[in-house]
C-alpha atoms as a PDB file:
ATOM      1  CA  MET A   1     175.737  26.481  52.276  1.00  0.00           C
ATOM      2  CA  LYS A   2     175.631  27.117  48.533  1.00  0.00           C
ATOM      3  CA  LYS A   3     172.855  25.395  46.595  1.00  0.00           C
ATOM      4  CA  ILE A   4     173.455  24.282  43.007  1.00  0.00           C
ATOM      5  CA  ALA A   5     170.977  24.214  40.118  1.00  0.00           C
ATOM      6  CA  LEU A   6     172.241  21.740  37.517  1.00  0.00           C
ATOM      7  CA  PHE A   7     170.095  22.086  34.407  1.00  0.00           C
ATOM      8  CA  ALA A   8     169.550  19.403  31.762  1.00  0.00           C
ATOM      9  CA  ALA A   9     167.449  18.816  28.673  1.00  0.00           C
ATOM     10  CA  HIS A  10     166.925  15.980  26.254  1.00  0.00           C
ATOM     11  CA  GLY A  11     170.287  15.589  24.526  1.00  0.00           C
ATOM     12  CA  SER A  12     172.418  17.151  27.275  1.00  0.00           C
ATOM     13  CA  GLU A  13     175.871  15.596  27.446  1.00  0.00           C
ATOM     14  CA  THR A  14     175.760  12.631  29.835  1.00  0.00           C
ATOM     15  CA  ILE A  15     179.211  12.894  31.434  1.00  0.00           C
ATOM     16  CA  GLU A  16     179.006  16.672  31.810  1.00  0.00           C
ATOM     17  CA  SER A  17     175.648  16.295  33.567  1.00  0.00           C
ATOM     18  CA  LEU A  18     175.998  13.192  35.703  1.00  0.00           C
ATOM     19  CA  ALA A  19     179.705  13.318  36.602  1.00  0.00           C
ATOM     20  CA  ALA A  20     179.312  16.924  37.803  1.00  0.00           C
ATOM     21  CA  LEU A  21     176.190  15.967  39.773  1.00  0.00           C
ATOM     22  CA  ASP A  22     178.069  13.101  41.409  1.00  0.00           C
ATOM     23  CA  VAL A  23     181.168  15.165  42.255  1.00  0.00           C
ATOM     24  CA  PHE A  24     179.070  17.971  43.761  1.00  0.00           C
ATOM     25  CA  ARG A  25     177.135  15.499  45.904  1.00  0.00           C
ATOM     26  CA  ARG A  26     180.374  13.837  47.075  1.00  0.00           C
ATOM     27  CA  ALA A  27     181.245  17.259  48.493  1.00  0.00           C
ATOM     28  CA  ASP A  28     177.953  17.160  50.445  1.00  0.00           C
ATOM     29  CA  LEU A  29     176.572  20.060  48.432  1.00  0.00           C
ATOM     30  CA  GLU A  30     172.858  20.456  47.914  1.00  0.00           C
ATOM     31  CA  VAL A  31     172.242  19.994  44.196  1.00  0.00           C
ATOM     32  CA  ASP A  32     168.980  19.920  42.291  1.00  0.00           C
ATOM     33  CA  PHE A  33     169.149  18.138  38.941  1.00  0.00           C
ATOM     34  CA  ILE A  34     166.616  20.268  37.042  1.00  0.00           C
ATOM     35  CA  SER A  35     164.854  19.313  33.817  1.00  0.00           C
ATOM     36  CA  ILE A  36     164.029  22.209  31.504  1.00  0.00           C
ATOM     37  CA  GLU A  37     161.615  19.894  29.697  1.00  0.00           C
ATOM     38  CA  SER A  38     157.977  19.271  30.685  1.00  0.00           C
ATOM     39  CA  THR A  39     158.989  15.913  32.138  1.00  0.00           C
ATOM     40  CA  LEU A  40     161.410  14.672  34.781  1.00  0.00           C
ATOM     41  CA  ASN A  41     162.373  11.776  32.506  1.00  0.00           C
ATOM     42  CA  LEU A  42     165.247  12.815  30.266  1.00  0.00           C
ATOM     43  CA  GLU A  43     167.187  11.092  27.544  1.00  0.00           C
ATOM     44  CA  LEU A  44     170.698  12.490  27.636  1.00  0.00           C
ATOM     45  CA  SER A  45     173.364  11.957  24.983  1.00  0.00           C
ATOM     46  CA  TYR A  46     173.997   8.434  23.726  1.00  0.00           C
ATOM     47  CA  GLY A  47     170.536   7.305  24.864  1.00  0.00           C
ATOM     48  CA  THR A  48     171.221   7.556  28.595  1.00  0.00           C
ATOM     49  CA  LYS A  49     167.863   7.711  30.372  1.00  0.00           C
ATOM     50  CA  VAL A  50     167.717   9.508  33.727  1.00  0.00           C
ATOM     51  CA  GLN A  51     165.181  11.116  36.014  1.00  0.00           C
ATOM     52  CA  ALA A  52     165.686  14.696  37.133  1.00  0.00           C
ATOM     53  CA  ASP A  53     164.896  15.859  40.663  1.00  0.00           C
ATOM     54  CA  ARG A  54     162.789  18.863  39.721  1.00  0.00           C
ATOM     55  CA  LEU A  55     161.204  20.665  36.783  1.00  0.00           C
ATOM     56  CA  LEU A  56     162.386  24.157  35.883  1.00  0.00           C
ATOM     57  CA  SER A  57     158.759  25.290  35.973  1.00  0.00           C
ATOM     58  CA  GLU A  58     158.586  24.318  39.672  1.00  0.00           C
ATOM     59  CA  VAL A  59     161.739  25.974  41.017  1.00  0.00           C
ATOM     60  CA  ASN A  60     162.538  29.468  42.183  1.00  0.00           C
ATOM     61  CA  LEU A  61     165.927  30.279  40.664  1.00  0.00           C
ATOM     62  CA  GLU A  62     166.565  32.733  43.487  1.00  0.00           C
ATOM     63  CA  ASP A  63     166.914  29.710  45.826  1.00  0.00           C
ATOM     64  CA  TYR A  64     170.271  28.846  44.217  1.00  0.00           C
ATOM     65  CA  SER A  65     173.664  30.491  44.177  1.00  0.00           C
ATOM     66  CA  VAL A  66     175.411  28.260  41.620  1.00  0.00           C
ATOM     67  CA  TYR A  67     173.994  27.515  38.158  1.00  0.00           C
ATOM     68  CA  TYR A  68     175.483  24.805  35.921  1.00  0.00           C
ATOM     69  CA  LEU A  69     174.809  24.262  32.205  1.00  0.00           C
ATOM     70  CA  PRO A  70     176.104  21.042  30.590  1.00  0.00           C
ATOM     71  CA  GLY A  71     176.885  20.842  26.894  1.00  0.00           C
ATOM     72  CA  GLY A  72     175.349  18.593  24.280  1.00  0.00           C
ATOM     73  CA  MET A  73     175.054  19.688  20.655  1.00  0.00           C
ATOM     74  CA  GLY A  74     173.917  16.419  19.091  1.00  0.00           C
ATOM     75  CA  GLU A  75     170.345  15.807  18.035  1.00  0.00           C
ATOM     76  CA  TYR A  76     167.811  14.126  20.302  1.00  0.00           C
ATOM     77  CA  GLN A  77     165.323  12.060  18.283  1.00  0.00           C
ATOM     78  CA  GLY A  78     165.590  14.504  15.392  1.00  0.00           C
ATOM     79  CA  LEU A  79     165.233  17.529  17.692  1.00  0.00           C
ATOM     80  CA  PRO A  80     168.006  19.962  18.640  1.00  0.00           C
ATOM     81  CA  GLY A  81     170.428  18.773  21.350  1.00  0.00           C
ATOM     82  CA  GLY A  82     170.730  19.971  24.940  1.00  0.00           C
ATOM     83  CA  VAL A  83     172.408  23.327  24.372  1.00  0.00           C
ATOM     84  CA  GLN A  84     170.076  24.218  21.508  1.00  0.00           C
ATOM     85  CA  ARG A  85     167.118  23.343  23.743  1.00  0.00           C
ATOM     86  CA  ILE A  86     168.479  25.573  26.532  1.00  0.00           C
ATOM     87  CA  LEU A  87     168.814  28.369  23.959  1.00  0.00           C
ATOM     88  CA  SER A  88     165.188  27.829  22.863  1.00  0.00           C
ATOM     89  CA  ASP A  89     162.077  29.083  24.635  1.00  0.00           C
ATOM     90  CA  LEU A  90     162.443  26.146  27.045  1.00  0.00           C
ATOM     91  CA  GLY A  91     165.465  27.893  28.557  1.00  0.00           C
ATOM     92  CA  ARG A  92     164.027  31.426  28.589  1.00  0.00           C
ATOM     93  CA  PRO A  93     163.604  31.503  32.419  1.00  0.00           C
ATOM     94  CA  ILE A  94     167.299  30.617  32.775  1.00  0.00           C
ATOM     95  CA  LYS A  95     168.317  33.246  30.217  1.00  0.00           C
ATOM     96  CA  ASP A  96     166.230  35.941  31.891  1.00  0.00           C
ATOM     97  CA  TYR A  97     167.549  35.082  35.341  1.00  0.00           C
ATOM     98  CA  PHE A  98     171.182  34.983  34.206  1.00  0.00           C
ATOM     99  CA  GLN A  99     170.856  38.336  32.445  1.00  0.00           C
ATOM    100  CA  GLN A 100     169.212  39.973  35.477  1.00  0.00           C
ATOM    101  CA  ASN A 101     171.688  38.552  38.011  1.00  0.00           C
ATOM    102  CA  GLN A 102     174.983  38.365  36.130  1.00  0.00           C
ATOM    103  CA  ALA A 103     176.555  41.153  38.214  1.00  0.00           C
ATOM    104  CA  ASP A 104     175.620  39.551  41.558  1.00  0.00           C
ATOM    105  CA  PRO A 105     178.947  38.565  43.186  1.00  0.00           C
ATOM    106  CA  ASN A 106     177.110  35.946  45.272  1.00  0.00           C
ATOM    107  CA  LYS A 107     176.076  34.000  42.169  1.00  0.00           C
ATOM    108  CA  LEU A 108     178.278  31.676  40.115  1.00  0.00           C
ATOM    109  CA  PHE A 109     177.331  30.790  36.528  1.00  0.00           C
ATOM    110  CA  CYS A 110     178.975  27.652  35.080  1.00  0.00           C
ATOM    111  CA  ALA A 111     178.968  26.288  31.526  1.00  0.00           C
ATOM    112  CA  ILE A 112     180.927  23.459  29.921  1.00  0.00           C
ATOM    113  CA  CYS A 113     181.626  22.276  26.369  1.00  0.00           C
ATOM    114  CA  ALA A 114     179.122  23.927  23.997  1.00  0.00           C
ATOM    115  CA  ALA A 115     177.140  25.596  26.809  1.00  0.00           C
ATOM    116  CA  PRO A 116     179.352  28.740  26.864  1.00  0.00           C
ATOM    117  CA  LEU A 117     177.535  29.460  23.586  1.00  0.00           C
ATOM    118  CA  ALA A 118     174.533  30.299  25.796  1.00  0.00           C
ATOM    119  CA  PHE A 119     176.670  32.806  27.715  1.00  0.00           C
ATOM    120  CA  HIS A 120     177.556  34.403  24.378  1.00  0.00           C
ATOM    121  CA  GLU A 121     174.007  34.363  22.999  1.00  0.00           C
ATOM    122  CA  TRP A 122     172.671  35.851  26.247  1.00  0.00           C
ATOM    123  CA  GLY A 123     175.225  38.674  26.279  1.00  0.00           C
ATOM    124  CA  LEU A 124     177.098  37.508  29.376  1.00  0.00           C
ATOM    125  CA  LEU A 125     180.563  37.468  27.777  1.00  0.00           C
ATOM    126  CA  GLY A 126     181.802  41.035  28.046  1.00  0.00           C
ATOM    127  CA  PRO A 127     184.776  42.421  26.094  1.00  0.00           C
ATOM    128  CA  GLU A 128     187.196  41.442  28.887  1.00  0.00           C
ATOM    129  CA  THR A 129     185.575  38.126  29.853  1.00  0.00           C
ATOM    130  CA  LYS A 130     187.939  35.181  29.421  1.00  0.00           C
ATOM    131  CA  PHE A 131     186.282  31.828  28.720  1.00  0.00           C
ATOM    132  CA  THR A 132     186.860  28.380  27.286  1.00  0.00           C
ATOM    133  CA  SER A 133     184.655  25.836  25.516  1.00  0.00           C
ATOM    134  CA  PHE A 134     184.732  22.825  23.233  1.00  0.00           C
ATOM    135  CA  ASP A 135     186.989  23.525  20.248  1.00  0.00           C
ATOM    136  CA  GLY A 136     185.059  25.156  17.435  1.00  0.00           C
ATOM    137  CA  VAL A 137     182.101  26.400  19.474  1.00  0.00           C
ATOM    138  CA  GLN A 138     183.763  29.789  19.951  1.00  0.00           C
ATOM    139  CA  THR A 139     184.455  30.412  16.248  1.00  0.00           C
ATOM    140  CA  ASP A 140     182.203  33.478  15.995  1.00  0.00           C
ATOM    141  CA  PHE A 141     183.170  34.981  19.358  1.00  0.00           C
ATOM    142  CA  ALA A 142     186.751  33.861  19.946  1.00  0.00           C
ATOM    143  CA  GLN A 143     188.363  37.163  20.976  1.00  0.00           C
ATOM    144  CA  ASN A 144     188.735  36.119  24.646  1.00  0.00           C
ATOM    145  CA  TRP A 145     188.749  32.336  24.271  1.00  0.00           C
ATOM    146  CA  VAL A 146     191.617  30.502  25.979  1.00  0.00           C
ATOM    147  CA  PRO A 147     192.507  26.801  25.610  1.00  0.00           C
ATOM    148  CA  ASP A 148     192.644  26.075  29.368  1.00  0.00           C
ATOM    149  CA  HIS A 149     190.620  23.222  30.886  1.00  0.00           C
ATOM    150  CA  VAL A 150     188.857  25.525  33.362  1.00  0.00           C
ATOM    151  CA  VAL A 151     188.548  29.315  33.199  1.00  0.00           C
ATOM    152  CA  ARG A 152     187.060  31.655  35.791  1.00  0.00           C
ATOM    153  CA  SER A 153     186.321  35.227  34.815  1.00  0.00           C
ATOM    154  CA  GLY A 154     184.495  37.037  37.606  1.00  0.00           C
ATOM    155  CA  ASN A 155     181.473  34.940  38.450  1.00  0.00           C
ATOM    156  CA  LEU A 156     181.496  33.033  35.140  1.00  0.00           C
ATOM    157  CA  PHE A 157     183.127  29.600  35.131  1.00  0.00           C
ATOM    158  CA  THR A 158     183.683  27.672  31.874  1.00  0.00           C
ATOM    159  CA  SER A 159     185.295  24.392  30.892  1.00  0.00           C
ATOM    160  CA  ARG A 160     186.224  22.473  27.723  1.00  0.00           C
ATOM    161  CA  GLY A 161     184.134  19.297  27.639  1.00  0.00           C
ATOM    162  CA  ALA A 162     183.372  15.817  28.928  1.00  0.00           C
ATOM    163  CA  GLY A 163     187.026  15.039  29.674  1.00  0.00           C
ATOM    164  CA  THR A 164     187.375  18.104  31.921  1.00  0.00           C
ATOM    165  CA  THR A 165     184.108  17.656  33.836  1.00  0.00           C
ATOM    166  CA  ILE A 166     185.591  16.331  37.070  1.00  0.00           C
ATOM    167  CA  GLU A 167     188.351  18.950  37.082  1.00  0.00           C
ATOM    168  CA  PHE A 168     185.671  21.591  36.469  1.00  0.00           C
ATOM    169  CA  ALA A 169     183.417  20.349  39.269  1.00  0.00           C
ATOM    170  CA  LEU A 170     186.374  20.263  41.677  1.00  0.00           C
ATOM    171  CA  ALA A 171     187.269  23.856  40.757  1.00  0.00           C
ATOM    172  CA  VAL A 172     183.680  24.914  41.467  1.00  0.00           C
ATOM    173  CA  ILE A 173     183.806  23.126  44.841  1.00  0.00           C
ATOM    174  CA  GLU A 174     187.041  24.904  45.705  1.00  0.00           C
ATOM    175  CA  ALA A 175     185.472  28.252  44.758  1.00  0.00           C
ATOM    176  CA  ILE A 176     182.248  27.827  46.738  1.00  0.00           C
ATOM    177  CA  VAL A 177     183.413  25.699  49.683  1.00  0.00           C
ATOM    178  CA  ASP A 178     187.180  25.454  50.094  1.00  0.00           C
ATOM    179  CA  ALA A 179     190.329  23.767  48.777  1.00  0.00           C
ATOM    180  CA  GLU A 180     190.279  21.165  51.561  1.00  0.00           C
ATOM    181  CA  THR A 181     186.852  19.869  50.515  1.00  0.00           C
ATOM    182  CA  ALA A 182     187.856  19.778  46.852  1.00  0.00           C
ATOM    183  CA  LEU A 183     191.015  17.846  47.788  1.00  0.00           C
ATOM    184  CA  ARG A 184     189.003  15.370  49.907  1.00  0.00           C
ATOM    185  CA  VAL A 185     186.678  14.666  46.971  1.00  0.00           C
ATOM    186  CA  LYS A 186     189.599  14.466  44.543  1.00  0.00           C
ATOM    187  CA  ARG A 187     191.387  11.902  46.742  1.00  0.00           C
ATOM    188  CA  GLY A 188     188.187   9.912  47.115  1.00  0.00           C
ATOM    189  CA  LEU A 189     187.989   9.733  43.334  1.00  0.00           C
ATOM    190  CA  GLN A 190     191.578   8.428  43.243  1.00  0.00           C
ATOM    191  CA  ILE A 191     192.798  11.400  41.220  1.00  0.00           C
ATOM    192  CA  LYS A 192     196.483  12.141  41.697  1.00  0.00           C
ATOM    193  CA  ASN A 193     197.580  15.637  42.673  1.00  0.00           C
END
Protein backbone atom coordinates (compact mmCIF):
# COMPACT_ATOMS: atom_id res chain seq x y z
CA MET A 1 0.00 0.00 0.00
CA LYS A 2 1.24 3.48 -0.89
CA LYS A 3 1.79 5.88 2.00
CA ILE A 4 1.20 9.60 1.52
CA ALA A 5 3.08 12.51 3.10
CA LEU A 6 0.84 15.59 2.98
CA PHE A 7 2.89 18.60 4.03
CA ALA A 8 1.53 21.83 5.50
CA ALA A 9 2.81 25.05 7.02
CA HIS A 10 1.27 28.10 8.60
CA GLY A 11 -0.66 29.74 5.77
CA SER A 12 -1.11 26.62 3.63
CA GLU A 13 -4.37 26.71 1.68
CA THR A 14 -7.10 25.11 3.80
CA ILE A 15 -9.15 23.37 1.10
CA GLU A 16 -6.08 22.10 -0.74
CA SER A 17 -4.77 20.61 2.51
CA LEU A 18 -7.83 19.28 4.28
CA ALA A 19 -10.01 18.24 1.33
CA ALA A 20 -7.12 16.22 -0.12
CA LEU A 21 -6.45 14.65 3.29
CA ASP A 22 -10.11 13.69 3.60
CA VAL A 23 -10.38 12.26 0.07
CA PHE A 24 -7.20 10.19 0.50
CA ARG A 25 -8.46 8.79 3.80
CA ARG A 26 -11.85 7.93 2.26
CA ALA A 27 -9.86 5.70 -0.09
CA ASP A 28 -8.40 3.95 2.99
CA LEU A 29 -4.93 5.25 2.19
CA GLU A 30 -2.40 5.79 4.93
CA VAL A 31 -1.75 9.53 5.06
CA ASP A 32 0.39 11.52 7.45
CA PHE A 33 -0.53 15.19 7.73
CA ILE A 34 2.96 16.61 8.32
CA SER A 35 3.78 20.03 9.74
CA ILE A 36 6.98 21.61 8.44
CA GLU A 37 6.83 24.01 11.38
CA SER A 38 8.24 23.34 14.87
CA THR A 39 4.71 22.70 16.13
CA LEU A 40 1.86 20.35 15.27
CA ASN A 41 -0.60 23.22 15.69
CA LEU A 42 -1.01 25.04 12.38
CA GLU A 43 -3.02 28.02 11.28
CA LEU A 44 -3.92 27.46 7.65
CA SER A 45 -5.40 30.07 5.32
CA TYR A 46 -8.36 32.12 6.52
CA GLY A 47 -7.49 31.41 10.16
CA THR A 48 -8.35 27.71 10.09
CA LYS A 49 -6.62 26.07 13.06
CA VAL A 50 -5.69 22.39 12.76
CA GLN A 51 -3.36 19.88 14.34
CA ALA A 52 -0.98 17.91 12.15
CA ASP A 53 -0.23 14.23 12.75
CA ARG A 54 3.55 14.50 12.67
CA LEU A 55 6.42 16.97 12.49
CA LEU A 56 8.70 16.95 9.46
CA SER A 57 11.67 16.72 11.82
CA GLU A 58 10.33 13.38 13.12
CA VAL A 59 9.61 11.56 9.85
CA ASN A 60 11.74 9.55 7.48
CA LEU A 61 10.72 10.70 4.00
CA GLU A 62 11.82 7.35 2.61
CA ASP A 63 8.78 5.80 4.37
CA TYR A 64 6.46 7.44 1.83
CA SER A 65 5.84 6.96 -1.86
CA VAL A 66 3.51 9.91 -2.50
CA TYR A 67 4.34 13.50 -1.51
CA TYR A 68 1.72 16.27 -1.62
CA LEU A 69 2.33 20.03 -1.40
CA PRO A 70 -0.70 22.33 -0.97
CA GLY A 71 -0.65 25.93 -2.12
CA GLY A 72 -1.10 29.07 -0.07
CA MET A 73 0.59 32.33 -1.03
CA GLY A 74 -1.10 34.68 1.43
CA GLU A 75 0.64 35.98 4.51
CA TYR A 76 0.34 34.28 7.89
CA GLN A 77 0.47 36.83 10.72
CA GLY A 78 2.79 39.04 8.68
CA LEU A 79 5.01 36.09 7.70
CA PRO A 80 5.20 34.48 4.25
CA GLY A 81 2.38 32.05 3.37
CA GLY A 82 2.53 28.26 3.07
CA VAL A 83 4.35 27.94 -0.24
CA GLN A 84 6.91 30.59 0.70
CA ARG A 85 7.50 28.74 3.98
CA ILE A 86 8.01 25.45 2.12
CA LEU A 87 10.52 27.25 -0.12
CA SER A 88 12.36 28.58 2.96
CA ASP A 89 14.83 26.67 5.12
CA LEU A 90 11.84 25.03 6.83
CA GLY A 91 11.24 23.03 3.65
CA ARG A 92 14.88 22.20 2.90
CA PRO A 93 14.50 18.48 3.85
CA ILE A 94 11.62 18.22 1.37
CA LYS A 95 13.59 20.02 -1.34
CA ASP A 96 16.65 17.82 -0.83
CA TYR A 97 14.59 14.64 -0.86
CA PHE A 98 12.63 15.63 -3.97
CA GLN A 99 15.82 16.54 -5.84
CA GLN A 100 17.53 13.26 -4.88
CA ASN A 101 14.52 11.06 -5.70
CA GLN A 102 12.82 12.80 -8.61
CA ALA A 103 13.78 10.05 -11.08
CA ASP A 104 12.44 7.23 -8.87
CA PRO A 105 9.46 5.77 -10.78
CA ASN A 106 8.04 4.45 -7.49
CA LYS A 107 7.63 7.97 -6.10
CA LEU A 108 4.87 10.44 -6.97
CA PHE A 109 5.34 14.17 -6.32
CA CYS A 110 2.15 16.27 -6.19
CA ALA A 111 1.69 20.04 -6.03
CA ILE A 112 -1.41 22.21 -6.35
CA CYS A 113 -2.12 25.92 -6.88
CA ALA A 114 1.06 27.91 -6.13
CA ALA A 115 3.03 24.85 -4.95
CA PRO A 116 4.27 23.96 -8.47
CA LEU A 117 6.47 27.03 -7.93
CA ALA A 118 8.46 24.79 -5.56
CA PHE A 119 8.91 22.25 -8.36
CA HIS A 120 10.27 25.06 -10.52
CA GLU A 121 12.52 26.54 -7.83
CA TRP A 122 13.89 23.08 -7.00
CA GLY A 123 14.69 22.27 -10.64
CA LEU A 124 12.13 19.48 -11.01
CA LEU A 125 10.40 20.91 -14.10
CA GLY A 126 12.50 19.74 -17.02
CA PRO A 127 12.25 21.19 -20.55
CA GLU A 128 9.59 18.63 -21.52
CA THR A 129 7.69 18.56 -18.21
CA LYS A 130 4.05 19.60 -18.61
CA PHE A 131 2.44 21.15 -15.53
CA THR A 132 -0.39 23.36 -14.36
CA SER A 133 -0.85 25.77 -11.45
CA PHE A 134 -2.90 28.71 -10.25
CA ASP A 135 -3.10 31.35 -12.98
CA GLY A 136 -0.19 33.76 -12.77
CA VAL A 137 2.14 31.59 -10.68
CA GLN A 138 3.82 30.24 -13.82
CA THR A 139 4.58 33.66 -15.36
CA ASP A 140 8.37 33.24 -15.23
CA PHE A 141 8.42 29.58 -16.29
CA ALA A 142 5.37 29.15 -18.51
CA GLN A 143 6.90 27.29 -21.46
CA ASN A 144 5.20 23.97 -20.58
CA TRP A 145 2.23 25.25 -18.58
CA VAL A 146 -1.18 23.94 -19.64
CA PRO A 147 -4.59 25.16 -18.40
CA ASP A 148 -5.92 21.68 -17.48
CA HIS A 149 -7.31 20.98 -14.00
CA VAL A 150 -4.90 18.08 -13.40
CA VAL A 151 -1.66 17.34 -15.26
CA ARG A 152 0.60 14.31 -14.88
CA SER A 153 4.06 14.42 -16.40
CA GLY A 154 6.05 11.34 -15.43
CA ASN A 155 5.95 11.14 -11.66
CA LEU A 156 5.00 14.81 -11.19
CA PHE A 157 1.32 15.59 -10.65
CA THR A 158 0.04 19.20 -10.59
CA SER A 159 -3.33 20.89 -10.28
CA ARG A 160 -4.83 24.39 -10.52
CA GLY A 161 -6.17 25.32 -7.08
CA ALA A 162 -8.74 24.94 -4.33
CA GLY A 163 -11.59 24.27 -6.78
CA THR A 164 -9.74 21.33 -8.36
CA THR A 165 -8.57 19.71 -5.12
CA ILE A 166 -11.05 16.84 -5.07
CA GLU A 167 -10.54 16.09 -8.76
CA PHE A 168 -6.78 16.14 -8.12
CA ALA A 169 -6.99 13.81 -5.12
CA LEU A 170 -9.18 11.39 -7.09
CA ALA A 171 -6.65 11.38 -9.95
CA VAL A 172 -3.87 10.57 -7.47
CA ILE A 173 -5.98 7.72 -6.02
CA GLU A 174 -6.56 6.34 -9.50
CA ALA A 175 -2.81 6.50 -10.21
CA ILE A 176 -1.66 4.80 -7.00
CA VAL A 177 -4.56 2.42 -6.30
CA ASP A 178 -6.98 1.94 -9.18
CA ALA A 179 -9.90 3.51 -11.05
CA GLU A 180 -12.45 1.44 -9.12
CA THR A 181 -11.34 2.90 -5.78
CA ALA A 182 -11.33 6.44 -7.17
CA LEU A 183 -14.85 5.88 -8.54
CA ARG A 184 -16.06 4.50 -5.17
CA VAL A 185 -14.77 7.60 -3.38
CA LYS A 186 -16.17 9.90 -6.07
CA ARG A 187 -19.64 8.32 -5.76
CA GLY A 188 -19.47 8.56 -1.98
CA LEU A 189 -18.82 12.27 -2.36
CA GLN A 190 -21.91 12.55 -4.60
CA ILE A 191 -19.87 13.74 -7.57
CA LYS A 192 -21.47 12.96 -10.91
CA ASN A 193 -19.47 11.13 -13.56
